[in-house]
Amino acid sequence: MENKAYAIAAGLFVLLLGLALAASVAWFQGDRTERVGYTVVSRSGVPGLNLKAPVKLRGVEVGHVETIAFDPADPRQILVGIAVDAAAPVSTGTYAQLGLQGVTGLSFVSLEEADARAPLQRAAPGARLLLRPGLLDRLAESGPMLLAGFTEATTRLNALLSDDNRAQLNRTLAGLQQAADDTSRLMAALQPGARELPALLKDADAATQRADAALRRIEALAADGQQLAQELRSRAAVLDRLDAAATQVQASSRNLELALVGDTPPRGRPLLGDLSAASRSVERAANELGEQPQSLLFGRHARPPGPGETGFDARLKAGAP
């Protein structure tokens, strides 16, 4: 009897423990977030979208897909029911797009704002959000145009690479190769001159320095010449003053002569004639002394005979040996 009581107690304990574990699992798995339902309207299809697919608002997961069905009023439309967190800022300008979940091929609903800077006006619960074409949809729509453009580019490339054009391209490449070879030979010919260029530059520098020194000497000579010209002008002024003084002395002599003898003919003025002869003698003596200053010590030498006189020698007169 006692063993049966222990068995019943053990069974009840295991049963209660199982119920508590199931309640805990249900508690942790239960979603107690307040949700608001919205309807996404698509006219182009929802490839890869499944129930319970995540719903993201600007990259943040805020809900999941609850239903996917055709619109009873317009079968060409697909209505996707989504449950979004009530705290998510879904506005009247929010639109939906389909995004890809990695490389699995599955899609999710991405909610975006038409104007992120506009004031936030929350959308009413149950409002319809337009599903705009995504990147893949736009690529699919523009695929035929891309293919046509690729076909046209291929056709033009084939026309560009025709036999004549390839031959012309080969000739052009050959000409470029020849030009490169000529350039190489020209560079090789210019290398000796390039090696001598530093020495030429040094010589040019030295020549420039010598030219600078010559210019400085020329400037010094010009300054000296200017100074000499000033001295010559000053001496010319002195000579002018001497000339004026000589003129004045001559005038004074004339006045003295008039005062002494009066205005008489030259024959009636013996005193003045004697004075003139004496002055001429003094002048000749000064000239002879200037020509032969040694005559003061050794006496005068006889003048050499002139033309027509005895002993005249024309070669001595000309200074010939």
Protein backbone atom coordinates (compact mmCIF):
# COMPACT_ATOMS: atom_id res chain seq x y z
CA MET A 1 0.00 0.00 0.00
CA GLU A 2 2.85 2.27 0.86
CA ASN A 3 4.56 1.52 -2.47
CA LYS A 4 1.44 2.51 -4.40
CA ALA A 5 1.34 5.87 -2.57
CA TYR A 6 4.96 6.59 -3.60
CA ALA A 7 4.19 5.66 -7.22
CA ILE A 8 1.13 7.94 -7.33
CA ALA A 9 3.15 10.81 -5.87
CA ALA A 10 5.94 10.30 -8.35
CA GLY A 11 3.48 10.21 -11.26
CA LEU A 12 1.78 13.39 -10.12
CA PHE A 13 5.19 15.13 -9.78
CA VAL A 14 6.22 14.15 -13.31
CA LEU A 15 2.86 15.28 -14.68
CA LEU A 16 3.03 18.65 -12.96
CA LEU A 17 6.64 19.13 -14.08
CA GLY A 18 5.66 18.44 -17.70
CA LEU A 19 2.77 20.89 -17.53
CA ALA A 20 5.06 23.55 -16.06
CA LEU A 21 7.64 22.96 -18.80
CA ALA A 22 4.99 23.18 -21.53
CA ALA A 23 3.63 26.39 -20.00
CA SER A 24 7.14 27.87 -19.89
CA VAL A 25 7.78 26.99 -23.54
CA ALA A 26 4.43 28.47 -24.54
CA TRP A 27 5.19 31.59 -22.51
CA PHE A 28 8.59 32.18 -24.10
CA GLN A 29 7.42 31.39 -27.63
CA GLY A 30 4.31 33.50 -27.47
CA ASP A 31 4.45 36.93 -29.25
CA ARG A 32 2.88 39.47 -26.94
CA THR A 33 3.85 42.50 -29.12
CA GLU A 34 0.91 44.68 -30.14
CA ARG A 35 0.54 44.52 -33.91
CA VAL A 36 -1.25 46.74 -36.44
CA GLY A 37 -2.42 45.29 -39.76
CA TYR A 38 -1.71 46.92 -43.13
CA THR A 39 -2.35 45.75 -46.70
CA VAL A 40 0.32 45.88 -49.39
CA VAL A 41 -1.13 46.15 -52.92
CA SER A 42 0.92 44.71 -55.80
CA ARG A 43 0.10 44.64 -59.50
CA SER A 44 3.37 43.11 -60.66
CA GLY A 45 3.57 39.96 -58.55
CA VAL A 46 5.35 38.96 -55.36
CA PRO A 47 7.99 36.37 -56.36
CA GLY A 48 9.73 34.62 -53.46
CA LEU A 49 7.39 36.05 -50.79
CA ASN A 50 6.00 33.55 -48.27
CA LEU A 51 3.89 33.65 -45.16
CA LYS A 52 5.78 34.67 -42.03
CA ALA A 53 8.29 36.51 -44.23
CA PRO A 54 9.81 39.44 -42.30
CA VAL A 55 8.66 42.99 -42.75
CA LYS A 56 11.38 45.66 -42.35
CA LEU A 57 11.03 49.41 -41.99
CA ARG A 58 14.20 51.11 -43.27
CA GLY A 59 16.17 47.95 -42.48
CA VAL A 60 14.65 47.33 -39.02
CA GLU A 61 12.42 44.26 -38.66
CA VAL A 62 9.00 45.41 -37.40
CA GLY A 63 6.61 42.58 -38.33
CA HIS A 64 5.83 39.70 -40.64
CA VAL A 65 3.58 38.66 -43.53
CA GLU A 66 0.26 37.17 -42.46
CA THR A 67 -1.70 36.64 -45.70
CA ILE A 68 -1.11 36.56 -49.44
CA ALA A 69 -4.17 36.51 -51.72
CA PHE A 70 -5.66 37.98 -54.88
CA ASP A 71 -7.96 40.97 -54.58
CA PRO A 72 -11.58 39.77 -54.99
CA ALA A 73 -12.53 43.15 -56.49
CA ASP A 74 -9.66 43.16 -59.00
CA PRO A 75 -7.97 39.78 -59.59
CA ARG A 76 -5.04 41.48 -61.31
CA GLN A 77 -3.99 42.83 -57.90
CA ILE A 78 -2.36 40.87 -55.10
CA LEU A 79 -3.12 41.81 -51.53
CA VAL A 80 -0.42 41.05 -48.94
CA GLY A 81 -1.54 41.38 -45.33
CA ILE A 82 1.23 42.37 -42.94
CA ALA A 83 1.28 42.73 -39.16
CA VAL A 84 3.51 45.59 -38.03
CA ASP A 85 4.56 46.69 -34.56
CA ALA A 86 2.22 49.43 -33.37
CA ALA A 87 5.21 51.55 -32.36
CA ALA A 88 6.70 51.46 -35.88
CA PRO A 89 6.46 54.90 -37.59
CA VAL A 90 4.40 53.90 -40.63
CA SER A 91 3.20 57.13 -42.29
CA THR A 92 0.85 58.02 -45.10
CA GLY A 93 3.89 58.40 -47.42
CA THR A 94 5.25 54.89 -46.71
CA TYR A 95 5.52 52.50 -49.66
CA ALA A 96 6.65 48.87 -49.95
CA GLN A 97 9.26 47.04 -52.00
CA LEU A 98 10.40 43.45 -52.21
CA GLY A 99 13.91 42.67 -51.05
CA LEU A 100 15.98 39.48 -51.27
CA GLN A 101 17.12 37.54 -48.20
CA GLY A 102 20.70 36.74 -49.15
CA VAL A 103 21.14 34.11 -51.87
CA THR A 104 18.15 31.98 -50.83
CA GLY A 105 15.81 33.52 -53.39
CA LEU A 106 13.26 34.32 -50.66
CA SER A 107 11.83 37.81 -50.42
CA PHE A 108 10.81 40.11 -47.61
CA VAL A 109 8.71 43.26 -47.49
CA SER A 110 10.76 46.45 -47.15
CA LEU A 111 8.91 49.62 -46.10
CA GLU A 112 10.44 52.95 -47.17
CA GLU A 113 9.51 56.61 -46.79
CA ALA A 114 8.77 58.69 -49.89
CA ASP A 115 10.05 61.85 -48.15
CA ALA A 116 12.06 61.26 -44.97
CA ARG A 117 12.12 65.02 -44.19
CA ALA A 118 8.34 65.48 -44.32
CA PRO A 119 6.41 65.70 -41.02
CA LEU A 120 5.35 62.28 -39.74
CA GLN A 121 1.64 61.52 -40.23
CA ARG A 122 0.88 57.98 -39.11
CA ALA A 123 -1.14 55.79 -41.42
CA ALA A 124 -4.49 54.51 -40.17
CA PRO A 125 -4.65 50.80 -39.24
CA GLY A 126 -5.61 48.69 -42.25
CA ALA A 127 -4.36 51.31 -44.73
CA ARG A 128 -3.19 50.13 -48.13
CA LEU A 129 0.49 50.56 -49.07
CA LEU A 130 1.54 50.54 -52.72
CA LEU A 131 4.19 48.00 -53.71
CA ARG A 132 6.70 49.72 -55.99
CA PRO A 133 8.97 47.81 -58.36
CA GLY A 134 12.32 46.86 -56.85
CA LEU A 135 15.74 46.75 -58.43
CA LEU A 136 15.20 43.32 -59.92
CA ASP A 137 11.84 44.34 -61.30
CA ARG A 138 13.33 47.39 -62.98
CA LEU A 139 16.11 45.24 -64.42
CA ALA A 140 13.54 42.77 -65.71
CA GLU A 141 11.56 45.57 -67.32
CA SER A 142 14.64 47.11 -68.94
CA GLY A 143 16.05 43.72 -69.97
CA PRO A 144 14.74 43.85 -73.55
CA MET A 145 16.16 47.33 -74.07
CA LEU A 146 19.50 46.24 -72.62
CA LEU A 147 19.53 43.22 -74.90
CA ALA A 148 18.73 45.36 -77.93
CA GLY A 149 21.51 47.78 -77.02
CA PHE A 150 23.96 44.90 -76.53
CA THR A 151 22.98 43.49 -79.92
CA GLU A 152 23.51 46.86 -81.60
CA ALA A 153 26.89 47.30 -79.89
CA THR A 154 27.93 43.84 -81.05
CA THR A 155 26.91 44.67 -84.62
CA ARG A 156 28.91 47.89 -84.59
CA LEU A 157 31.89 46.10 -83.08
CA ASN A 158 31.79 43.53 -85.85
CA ALA A 159 31.66 46.33 -88.43
CA LEU A 160 34.59 48.03 -86.71
CA LEU A 161 36.65 44.84 -86.77
CA SER A 162 36.18 44.21 -90.48
CA ASP A 163 39.07 42.96 -92.65
CA ASP A 164 39.87 46.43 -94.03
CA ASN A 165 39.82 48.00 -90.58
CA ARG A 166 42.03 45.26 -89.15
CA ALA A 167 44.51 45.77 -91.99
CA GLN A 168 44.48 49.52 -91.38
CA LEU A 169 45.00 48.90 -87.67
CA ASN A 170 47.94 46.65 -88.41
CA ARG A 171 49.49 49.34 -90.62
CA THR A 172 48.95 51.92 -87.92
CA LEU A 173 50.59 49.70 -85.34
CA ALA A 174 53.52 49.12 -87.70
CA GLY A 175 53.89 52.88 -88.16
CA LEU A 176 53.82 53.39 -84.41
CA GLN A 177 56.50 50.74 -83.98
CA GLN A 178 58.68 52.43 -86.60
CA ALA A 179 58.16 55.80 -84.92
CA ALA A 180 59.17 54.25 -81.59
CA ASP A 181 62.31 52.81 -83.18
CA ASP A 182 63.19 56.19 -84.73
CA THR A 183 62.66 57.85 -81.39
CA SER A 184 64.96 55.35 -79.73
CA ARG A 185 67.68 56.00 -82.31
CA LEU A 186 67.22 59.75 -81.92
CA MET A 187 67.56 59.47 -78.15
CA ALA A 188 70.67 57.37 -78.57
CA ALA A 189 72.14 60.04 -80.89
CA LEU A 190 71.28 62.81 -78.44
CA GLN A 191 72.86 61.10 -75.45
CA PRO A 192 76.47 62.31 -76.19
CA GLY A 193 75.24 65.87 -76.49
CA ALA A 194 73.23 65.46 -73.29
CA ARG A 195 76.36 64.24 -71.49
CA GLU A 196 78.28 67.32 -72.70
CA LEU A 197 75.49 69.67 -71.75
CA PRO A 198 76.61 70.13 -68.07
CA ALA A 199 80.08 71.21 -69.22
CA LEU A 200 78.53 73.64 -71.70
CA LEU A 201 76.35 75.03 -68.97
CA LYS A 202 79.40 75.51 -66.76
CA ASP A 203 81.24 77.31 -69.62
CA ALA A 204 78.19 79.48 -70.21
CA ASP A 205 78.11 80.29 -66.51
CA ALA A 206 81.78 81.26 -66.56
CA ALA A 207 81.23 83.37 -69.70
CA THR A 208 78.34 85.09 -67.99
CA GLN A 209 80.53 85.88 -65.00
CA ARG A 210 83.25 87.27 -67.29
CA ALA A 211 80.65 89.34 -69.11
CA ASP A 212 79.42 90.68 -65.78
CA ALA A 213 83.00 91.62 -64.82
CA ALA A 214 83.50 93.33 -68.21
CA LEU A 215 80.26 95.24 -67.78
CA ARG A 216 81.40 96.38 -64.35
CA ARG A 217 84.73 97.57 -65.83
CA ILE A 218 82.87 99.35 -68.63
CA GLU A 219 80.68 101.05 -66.07
CA ALA A 220 83.80 102.11 -64.13
CA LEU A 221 85.37 103.47 -67.36
CA ALA A 222 82.16 105.28 -68.18
CA ALA A 223 82.19 106.84 -64.72
CA ASP A 224 85.84 107.86 -65.20
CA GLY A 225 85.03 109.28 -68.64
CA GLN A 226 82.18 111.27 -67.17
CA GLN A 227 84.49 112.60 -64.46
CA LEU A 228 87.13 113.45 -67.13
CA ALA A 229 84.48 115.20 -69.20
CA GLN A 230 83.51 117.25 -66.16
CA GLU A 231 87.17 118.15 -65.59
CA LEU A 232 87.56 119.09 -69.28
CA ARG A 233 84.49 121.28 -69.06
CA SER A 234 85.88 122.95 -65.95
CA ARG A 235 89.25 123.49 -67.69
CA ALA A 236 87.52 124.79 -70.78
CA ALA A 237 85.73 127.26 -68.54
CA VAL A 238 89.13 128.31 -67.12
CA LEU A 239 90.49 128.71 -70.66
CA ASP A 240 87.46 130.78 -71.56
CA ARG A 241 88.16 132.97 -68.54
CA LEU A 242 91.86 133.24 -69.58
CA ASP A 243 90.77 134.21 -73.09
CA ALA A 244 88.50 136.85 -71.67
CA ALA A 245 91.33 138.04 -69.42
CA ALA A 246 93.74 138.17 -72.39
CA THR A 247 91.17 140.15 -74.38
CA GLN A 248 90.77 142.50 -71.47
CA VAL A 249 94.58 142.86 -71.14
CA GLN A 250 94.82 143.61 -74.85
CA ALA A 251 92.10 146.21 -74.53
CA SER A 252 93.87 147.68 -71.53
CA SER A 253 97.18 147.80 -73.49
CA ARG A 254 95.42 149.55 -76.34
CA ASN A 255 93.91 152.02 -73.96
CA LEU A 256 97.33 152.61 -72.36
CA GLU A 257 98.90 153.09 -75.79
CA LEU A 258 96.28 155.61 -76.71
CA ALA A 259 96.75 157.34 -73.41
CA LEU A 260 100.55 157.55 -73.85
CA VAL A 261 101.05 158.38 -77.51
CA GLY A 262 97.67 159.10 -78.84
CA ASP A 263 96.20 157.94 -82.09
CA THR A 264 99.26 158.39 -84.34
CA PRO A 265 100.58 156.32 -87.27
CA PRO A 266 102.95 153.44 -86.46
CA ARG A 267 105.95 155.37 -87.80
CA GLY A 268 105.42 158.08 -85.27
CA ARG A 269 105.54 155.67 -82.29
CA PRO A 270 109.18 154.50 -81.88
CA LEU A 271 108.71 153.64 -78.24
CA LEU A 272 105.96 151.23 -78.99
CA GLY A 273 107.97 149.75 -81.89
CA ASP A 274 110.87 149.12 -79.59
CA LEU A 275 108.57 147.55 -77.07
CA SER A 276 107.12 145.28 -79.77
CA ALA A 277 110.58 144.27 -81.02
CA ALA A 278 111.68 143.54 -77.48
CA SER A 279 108.65 141.40 -76.84
CA ARG A 280 109.26 139.48 -80.05
CA SER A 281 112.87 138.89 -79.06
CA VAL A 282 111.74 137.63 -75.68
CA GLU A 283 109.27 135.37 -77.39
CA ARG A 284 111.93 133.95 -79.75
CA ALA A 285 114.29 133.40 -76.83
CA ALA A 286 111.55 131.57 -74.95
CA ASN A 287 110.82 129.40 -77.98
CA GLU A 288 114.50 128.57 -78.49
CA LEU A 289 114.86 127.79 -74.81
CA GLY A 290 111.82 125.51 -75.06
CA GLU A 291 113.33 123.75 -78.09
CA GLN A 292 116.90 123.55 -76.64
CA PRO A 293 116.81 123.78 -72.82
CA GLN A 294 120.38 122.41 -72.70
CA SER A 295 121.61 125.64 -74.25
CA LEU A 296 121.53 127.21 -70.80
CA LEU A 297 124.48 124.95 -69.83
CA PHE A 298 126.24 124.07 -73.10
CA GLY A 299 125.33 126.96 -75.34
CA ARG A 300 123.35 127.05 -78.51
CA HIS A 301 123.97 124.59 -81.32
CA ALA A 302 124.00 125.70 -84.85
CA ARG A 303 120.78 125.16 -86.69
CA PRO A 304 120.95 122.53 -89.44
CA PRO A 305 121.10 124.03 -92.93
CA GLY A 306 117.73 124.58 -94.54
CA PRO A 307 116.60 124.03 -98.11
CA GLY A 308 118.87 125.88 -100.54
CA GLU A 309 121.65 126.24 -98.00
CA THR A 310 125.01 124.51 -98.13
CA GLY A 311 125.00 121.10 -96.47
CA PHE A 312 121.20 120.63 -96.60
CA ASP A 313 120.19 116.97 -96.48
CA ALA A 314 116.54 116.17 -97.22
CA ARG A 315 116.76 112.72 -95.51
CA LEU A 316 117.87 114.37 -92.24
CA LYS A 317 115.03 116.84 -92.56
CA ALA A 318 112.54 113.96 -92.99
CA GLY A 319 114.02 112.08 -90.03
CA ALA A 320 115.36 109.15 -92.12
CA PRO A 321 118.36 107.17 -90.76
